[in-house]
Amino acid sequence: MKFNYDVIVIGAGHAGCEAATAAANLGSKTCLVTMDMNKIAQMSCNPAVGGIAKGQIVREVDALGGYMGIVTDKTSLQFRMLNRSKGPAMWSPRAQCDRAKYIWEWRTILDHTPNLEIWQDSVREIIVEDGQVRGVRTDFDVTMRAKCVIVTAGTFLNGLMHVGRIQIPGGRVAEPSSLHLTESIT
């Protein structure tokens, strides 16, 4: 089988989901590669969207046609205005989201986006030929060709977690890191 795409996005966190939907919505045949279909757009630590810094990013993503704000609205448990004791310039809305619903809502959007396929696997190598990116090779030895590869691997690239004095390889608790992809990039 041949797998040919215009765009391959490695990593299905927040950035990867936005990159994949943006490319697909612009008409590019896109493949979003994730290590775990059940953890697409996983909210790892704090399931909050908004605040002074992240709120600015959400507004920018929204202005560019992204989905983070829409998914947040659909999955919010609580809305709060932060910094009310300060002046209006410092006020900032924040929403706490239901983690499971957030994943489900993103998965629904991805599944209904034309030109977008989701592939569960881990990318071990970016294929470069004649100085040009030509695609990726996965841990299951699948070769996918593409004109463009976007890496949104987050904390998974050579990830190392520190628990007290113990160091554990991983991208998130109980999840492996992506070691071979890091070697391919450097």
C-alpha atoms as a PDB file:
ATOM      1  CA  MET A   1       0.000   0.000   0.000  1.00  0.00           C
ATOM      2  CA  LYS A   2       1.133   3.520  -0.718  1.00  0.00           C
ATOM      3  CA  PHE A   3       0.410   6.362   1.648  1.00  0.00           C
ATOM      4  CA  ASN A   4       0.788   9.738  -0.028  1.00  0.00           C
ATOM      5  CA  TYR A   5      -0.219  13.015   1.575  1.00  0.00           C
ATOM      6  CA  ASP A   6       0.308  16.713   1.149  1.00  0.00           C
ATOM      7  CA  VAL A   7       0.832  17.176   4.894  1.00  0.00           C
ATOM      8  CA  ILE A   8       1.712  14.811   7.742  1.00  0.00           C
ATOM      9  CA  VAL A   9       1.295  16.109  11.301  1.00  0.00           C
ATOM     10  CA  ILE A  10       3.201  14.213  14.007  1.00  0.00           C
ATOM     11  CA  GLY A  11       1.455  14.444  17.383  1.00  0.00           C
ATOM     12  CA  ALA A  12      -2.228  14.923  18.145  1.00  0.00           C
ATOM     13  CA  GLY A  13      -2.065  17.314  21.066  1.00  0.00           C
ATOM     14  CA  HIS A  14      -3.599  20.782  20.895  1.00  0.00           C
ATOM     15  CA  ALA A  15      -1.125  22.107  18.317  1.00  0.00           C
ATOM     16  CA  GLY A  16      -1.272  18.972  16.193  1.00  0.00           C
ATOM     17  CA  CYS A  17      -5.061  18.949  16.059  1.00  0.00           C
ATOM     18  CA  GLU A  18      -5.137  22.613  15.049  1.00  0.00           C
ATOM     19  CA  ALA A  19      -2.395  22.128  12.432  1.00  0.00           C
ATOM     20  CA  ALA A  20      -4.091  19.066  10.938  1.00  0.00           C
ATOM     21  CA  THR A  21      -7.540  20.660  10.698  1.00  0.00           C
ATOM     22  CA  ALA A  22      -6.072  23.884   9.269  1.00  0.00           C
ATOM     23  CA  ALA A  23      -4.190  21.998   6.545  1.00  0.00           C
ATOM     24  CA  ALA A  24      -7.162  19.760   5.724  1.00  0.00           C
ATOM     25  CA  ASN A  25      -9.611  22.679   5.661  1.00  0.00           C
ATOM     26  CA  LEU A  26      -7.325  24.421   3.157  1.00  0.00           C
ATOM     27  CA  GLY A  27      -7.666  21.394   0.866  1.00  0.00           C
ATOM     28  CA  SER A  28      -4.454  19.510   1.668  1.00  0.00           C
ATOM     29  CA  LYS A  29      -4.655  15.736   1.947  1.00  0.00           C
ATOM     30  CA  THR A  30      -3.545  15.425   5.572  1.00  0.00           C
ATOM     31  CA  CYS A  31      -2.559  12.618   7.941  1.00  0.00           C
ATOM     32  CA  LEU A  32      -2.470  13.174  11.704  1.00  0.00           C
ATOM     33  CA  VAL A  33      -0.224  10.591  13.399  1.00  0.00           C
ATOM     34  CA  THR A  34      -0.812   9.896  17.095  1.00  0.00           C
ATOM     35  CA  MET A  35       0.574   7.334  19.523  1.00  0.00           C
ATOM     36  CA  ASP A  36      -2.860   6.801  21.109  1.00  0.00           C
ATOM     37  CA  MET A  37      -6.246   7.492  19.506  1.00  0.00           C
ATOM     38  CA  ASN A  38      -7.815   7.716  22.964  1.00  0.00           C
ATOM     39  CA  LYS A  39      -5.611  10.621  24.024  1.00  0.00           C
ATOM     40  CA  ILE A  40      -6.115  13.040  21.162  1.00  0.00           C
ATOM     41  CA  ALA A  41      -5.936  16.624  22.525  1.00  0.00           C
ATOM     42  CA  GLN A  42      -5.362  15.234  26.036  1.00  0.00           C
ATOM     43  CA  MET A  43      -5.384  17.931  28.709  1.00  0.00           C
ATOM     44  CA  SER A  44      -2.409  16.692  30.698  1.00  0.00           C
ATOM     45  CA  CYS A  45      -2.209  18.852  33.783  1.00  0.00           C
ATOM     46  CA  ASN A  46      -4.709  21.621  34.304  1.00  0.00           C
ATOM     47  CA  PRO A  47      -7.890  21.281  32.228  1.00  0.00           C
ATOM     48  CA  ALA A  48      -8.208  25.060  31.954  1.00  0.00           C
ATOM     49  CA  VAL A  49      -8.395  27.131  28.798  1.00  0.00           C
ATOM     50  CA  GLY A  50      -8.000  30.882  29.036  1.00  0.00           C
ATOM     51  CA  GLY A  51      -6.266  33.152  31.478  1.00  0.00           C
ATOM     52  CA  ILE A  52      -4.027  36.077  30.608  1.00  0.00           C
ATOM     53  CA  ALA A  53      -1.414  34.201  28.547  1.00  0.00           C
ATOM     54  CA  LYS A  54      -3.258  31.169  27.163  1.00  0.00           C
ATOM     55  CA  GLY A  55      -6.370  33.269  26.590  1.00  0.00           C
ATOM     56  CA  GLN A  56      -4.410  35.395  24.116  1.00  0.00           C
ATOM     57  CA  ILE A  57      -3.341  32.264  22.227  1.00  0.00           C
ATOM     58  CA  VAL A  58      -6.920  30.965  22.172  1.00  0.00           C
ATOM     59  CA  ARG A  59      -8.133  34.253  20.668  1.00  0.00           C
ATOM     60  CA  GLU A  60      -5.419  34.124  18.006  1.00  0.00           C
ATOM     61  CA  VAL A  61      -6.218  30.494  17.131  1.00  0.00           C
ATOM     62  CA  ASP A  62      -9.911  31.418  16.948  1.00  0.00           C
ATOM     63  CA  ALA A  63      -9.191  34.374  14.649  1.00  0.00           C
ATOM     64  CA  LEU A  64      -7.391  31.995  12.287  1.00  0.00           C
ATOM     65  CA  GLY A  65     -10.341  29.579  12.144  1.00  0.00           C
ATOM     66  CA  GLY A  66      -9.148  27.128  14.794  1.00  0.00           C
ATOM     67  CA  TYR A  67     -11.287  24.981  17.041  1.00  0.00           C
ATOM     68  CA  MET A  68      -9.834  25.288  20.559  1.00  0.00           C
ATOM     69  CA  GLY A  69     -12.342  27.938  21.650  1.00  0.00           C
ATOM     70  CA  ILE A  70     -15.262  26.042  20.123  1.00  0.00           C
ATOM     71  CA  VAL A  71     -14.255  22.789  21.836  1.00  0.00           C
ATOM     72  CA  THR A  72     -13.775  24.671  25.104  1.00  0.00           C
ATOM     73  CA  ASP A  73     -17.269  26.171  24.897  1.00  0.00           C
ATOM     74  CA  LYS A  74     -18.778  22.722  24.282  1.00  0.00           C
ATOM     75  CA  THR A  75     -16.921  20.989  27.123  1.00  0.00           C
ATOM     76  CA  SER A  76     -16.713  23.612  29.867  1.00  0.00           C
ATOM     77  CA  LEU A  77     -17.707  22.835  33.425  1.00  0.00           C
ATOM     78  CA  GLN A  78     -17.089  26.313  34.826  1.00  0.00           C
ATOM     79  CA  PHE A  79     -16.403  29.803  33.485  1.00  0.00           C
ATOM     80  CA  ARG A  80     -14.646  32.388  35.619  1.00  0.00           C
ATOM     81  CA  MET A  81     -13.303  35.896  35.140  1.00  0.00           C
ATOM     82  CA  LEU A  82      -9.791  36.078  36.599  1.00  0.00           C
ATOM     83  CA  ASN A  83      -8.182  39.139  38.223  1.00  0.00           C
ATOM     84  CA  ARG A  84     -11.466  40.913  39.035  1.00  0.00           C
ATOM     85  CA  SER A  85      -9.754  42.717  41.934  1.00  0.00           C
ATOM     86  CA  LYS A  86      -7.560  44.532  39.397  1.00  0.00           C
ATOM     87  CA  GLY A  87      -8.510  46.920  36.625  1.00  0.00           C
ATOM     88  CA  PRO A  88     -10.464  45.792  33.524  1.00  0.00           C
ATOM     89  CA  ALA A  89      -7.265  45.582  31.459  1.00  0.00           C
ATOM     90  CA  MET A  90      -6.193  42.646  33.637  1.00  0.00           C
ATOM     91  CA  TRP A  91      -9.493  40.748  33.564  1.00  0.00           C
ATOM     92  CA  SER A  92      -9.272  37.472  31.726  1.00  0.00           C
ATOM     93  CA  PRO A  93     -11.872  34.741  31.145  1.00  0.00           C
ATOM     94  CA  ARG A  94     -10.971  31.150  31.930  1.00  0.00           C
ATOM     95  CA  ALA A  95     -12.915  27.926  31.466  1.00  0.00           C
ATOM     96  CA  GLN A  96     -12.418  24.605  33.243  1.00  0.00           C
ATOM     97  CA  CYS A  97     -13.150  21.745  30.838  1.00  0.00           C
ATOM     98  CA  ASP A  98     -14.232  18.148  31.223  1.00  0.00           C
ATOM     99  CA  ARG A  99     -11.119  16.252  30.093  1.00  0.00           C
ATOM    100  CA  ALA A 100     -12.935  13.241  28.649  1.00  0.00           C
ATOM    101  CA  LYS A 101     -15.484  15.372  26.786  1.00  0.00           C
ATOM    102  CA  TYR A 102     -12.683  17.582  25.449  1.00  0.00           C
ATOM    103  CA  ILE A 103     -10.986  14.553  23.850  1.00  0.00           C
ATOM    104  CA  TRP A 104     -14.300  13.258  22.508  1.00  0.00           C
ATOM    105  CA  GLU A 105     -15.263  16.635  21.017  1.00  0.00           C
ATOM    106  CA  TRP A 106     -11.893  17.017  19.305  1.00  0.00           C
ATOM    107  CA  ARG A 107     -12.103  13.458  17.969  1.00  0.00           C
ATOM    108  CA  THR A 108     -15.544  14.216  16.539  1.00  0.00           C
ATOM    109  CA  ILE A 109     -14.231  17.318  14.760  1.00  0.00           C
ATOM    110  CA  LEU A 110     -11.246  15.414  13.360  1.00  0.00           C
ATOM    111  CA  ASP A 111     -13.405  12.496  12.191  1.00  0.00           C
ATOM    112  CA  HIS A 112     -15.686  14.891  10.290  1.00  0.00           C
ATOM    113  CA  THR A 113     -12.952  16.999   8.696  1.00  0.00           C
ATOM    114  CA  PRO A 114     -12.678  16.340   4.946  1.00  0.00           C
ATOM    115  CA  ASN A 115      -9.163  15.545   3.626  1.00  0.00           C
ATOM    116  CA  LEU A 116      -8.016  14.335   7.069  1.00  0.00           C
ATOM    117  CA  GLU A 117      -6.991  10.830   8.125  1.00  0.00           C
ATOM    118  CA  ILE A 118      -5.836   9.774  11.596  1.00  0.00           C
ATOM    119  CA  TRP A 119      -3.131   7.119  11.963  1.00  0.00           C
ATOM    120  CA  GLN A 120      -2.248   5.441  15.274  1.00  0.00           C
ATOM    121  CA  ASP A 121       1.470   4.741  15.373  1.00  0.00           C
ATOM    122  CA  SER A 122       4.701   6.381  16.466  1.00  0.00           C
ATOM    123  CA  VAL A 123       6.911   8.123  13.926  1.00  0.00           C
ATOM    124  CA  ARG A 124      10.511   7.005  14.259  1.00  0.00           C
ATOM    125  CA  GLU A 125      12.064   8.847  11.321  1.00  0.00           C
ATOM    126  CA  ILE A 126      11.560  11.821   9.064  1.00  0.00           C
ATOM    127  CA  ILE A 127      12.578  10.836   5.550  1.00  0.00           C
ATOM    128  CA  VAL A 128      14.882  13.361   3.887  1.00  0.00           C
ATOM    129  CA  GLU A 129      16.030  12.912   0.286  1.00  0.00           C
ATOM    130  CA  ASP A 130      18.253  15.385  -1.566  1.00  0.00           C
ATOM    131  CA  GLY A 131      17.917  17.846   1.312  1.00  0.00           C
ATOM    132  CA  GLN A 132      14.105  17.815   1.131  1.00  0.00           C
ATOM    133  CA  VAL A 133      11.591  16.337   3.572  1.00  0.00           C
ATOM    134  CA  ARG A 134       9.764  13.562   1.732  1.00  0.00           C
ATOM    135  CA  GLY A 135       7.750  11.843   4.465  1.00  0.00           C
ATOM    136  CA  VAL A 136       7.992   9.683   7.586  1.00  0.00           C
ATOM    137  CA  ARG A 137       8.620   6.094   8.656  1.00  0.00           C
ATOM    138  CA  THR A 138       6.734   4.685  11.643  1.00  0.00           C
ATOM    139  CA  ASP A 139       7.551   2.144  14.344  1.00  0.00           C
ATOM    140  CA  PHE A 140       5.404  -0.377  12.435  1.00  0.00           C
ATOM    141  CA  ASP A 141       7.689   0.241   9.420  1.00  0.00           C
ATOM    142  CA  VAL A 142       5.022   2.060   7.426  1.00  0.00           C
ATOM    143  CA  THR A 143       6.375   4.640   5.000  1.00  0.00           C
ATOM    144  CA  MET A 144       4.215   7.683   4.366  1.00  0.00           C
ATOM    145  CA  ARG A 145       5.154  10.236   1.733  1.00  0.00           C
ATOM    146  CA  ALA A 146       4.332  13.932   2.031  1.00  0.00           C
ATOM    147  CA  LYS A 147       5.301  17.337   0.692  1.00  0.00           C
ATOM    148  CA  CYS A 148       5.335  18.736   4.231  1.00  0.00           C
ATOM    149  CA  VAL A 149       5.845  17.286   7.731  1.00  0.00           C
ATOM    150  CA  ILE A 150       4.801  19.237  10.824  1.00  0.00           C
ATOM    151  CA  VAL A 151       6.243  18.079  14.163  1.00  0.00           C
ATOM    152  CA  THR A 152       3.996  18.833  17.165  1.00  0.00           C
ATOM    153  CA  ALA A 153       5.375  16.196  19.517  1.00  0.00           C
ATOM    154  CA  GLY A 154       5.291  18.360  22.644  1.00  0.00           C
ATOM    155  CA  THR A 155       6.977  16.737  25.643  1.00  0.00           C
ATOM    156  CA  PHE A 156       7.298  13.366  23.907  1.00  0.00           C
ATOM    157  CA  LEU A 157      10.552  14.074  22.000  1.00  0.00           C
ATOM    158  CA  ASN A 158      13.182  12.302  24.083  1.00  0.00           C
ATOM    159  CA  GLY A 159      10.911  12.947  27.081  1.00  0.00           C
ATOM    160  CA  LEU A 160      12.297  12.393  30.552  1.00  0.00           C
ATOM    161  CA  MET A 161      10.113  12.672  33.647  1.00  0.00           C
ATOM    162  CA  HIS A 162      11.552  13.400  37.078  1.00  0.00           C
ATOM    163  CA  VAL A 163       9.851  11.865  40.113  1.00  0.00           C
ATOM    164  CA  GLY A 164      11.915  12.850  43.115  1.00  0.00           C
ATOM    165  CA  ARG A 165      15.405  11.647  42.247  1.00  0.00           C
ATOM    166  CA  ILE A 166      14.170   9.030  39.812  1.00  0.00           C
ATOM    167  CA  GLN A 167      14.222   9.719  36.072  1.00  0.00           C
ATOM    168  CA  ILE A 168      11.752   7.848  33.885  1.00  0.00           C
ATOM    169  CA  PRO A 169      11.631   8.035  30.073  1.00  0.00           C
ATOM    170  CA  GLY A 170       8.174   9.137  28.938  1.00  0.00           C
ATOM    171  CA  GLY A 171       6.155  11.859  27.318  1.00  0.00           C
ATOM    172  CA  ARG A 172       3.471  11.807  29.993  1.00  0.00           C
ATOM    173  CA  VAL A 173       2.876   9.539  32.990  1.00  0.00           C
ATOM    174  CA  ALA A 174       2.511   5.912  31.806  1.00  0.00           C
ATOM    175  CA  GLU A 175       3.192   6.885  28.172  1.00  0.00           C
ATOM    176  CA  PRO A 176       6.383   6.297  26.193  1.00  0.00           C
ATOM    177  CA  SER A 177       8.582   9.035  24.817  1.00  0.00           C
ATOM    178  CA  SER A 178       9.555   9.291  21.172  1.00  0.00           C
ATOM    179  CA  LEU A 179      13.258   8.464  21.140  1.00  0.00           C
ATOM    180  CA  HIS A 180      13.933   7.586  17.516  1.00  0.00           C
ATOM    181  CA  LEU A 181      12.222  10.652  16.077  1.00  0.00           C
ATOM    182  CA  THR A 182      14.533  12.851  18.125  1.00  0.00           C
ATOM    183  CA  GLU A 183      17.544  11.104  16.583  1.00  0.00           C
ATOM    184  CA  SER A 184      16.060  11.632  13.123  1.00  0.00           C
ATOM    185  CA  ILE A 185      15.770  15.381  13.666  1.00  0.00           C
ATOM    186  CA  THR A 186      19.206  16.035  15.162  1.00  0.00           C
END
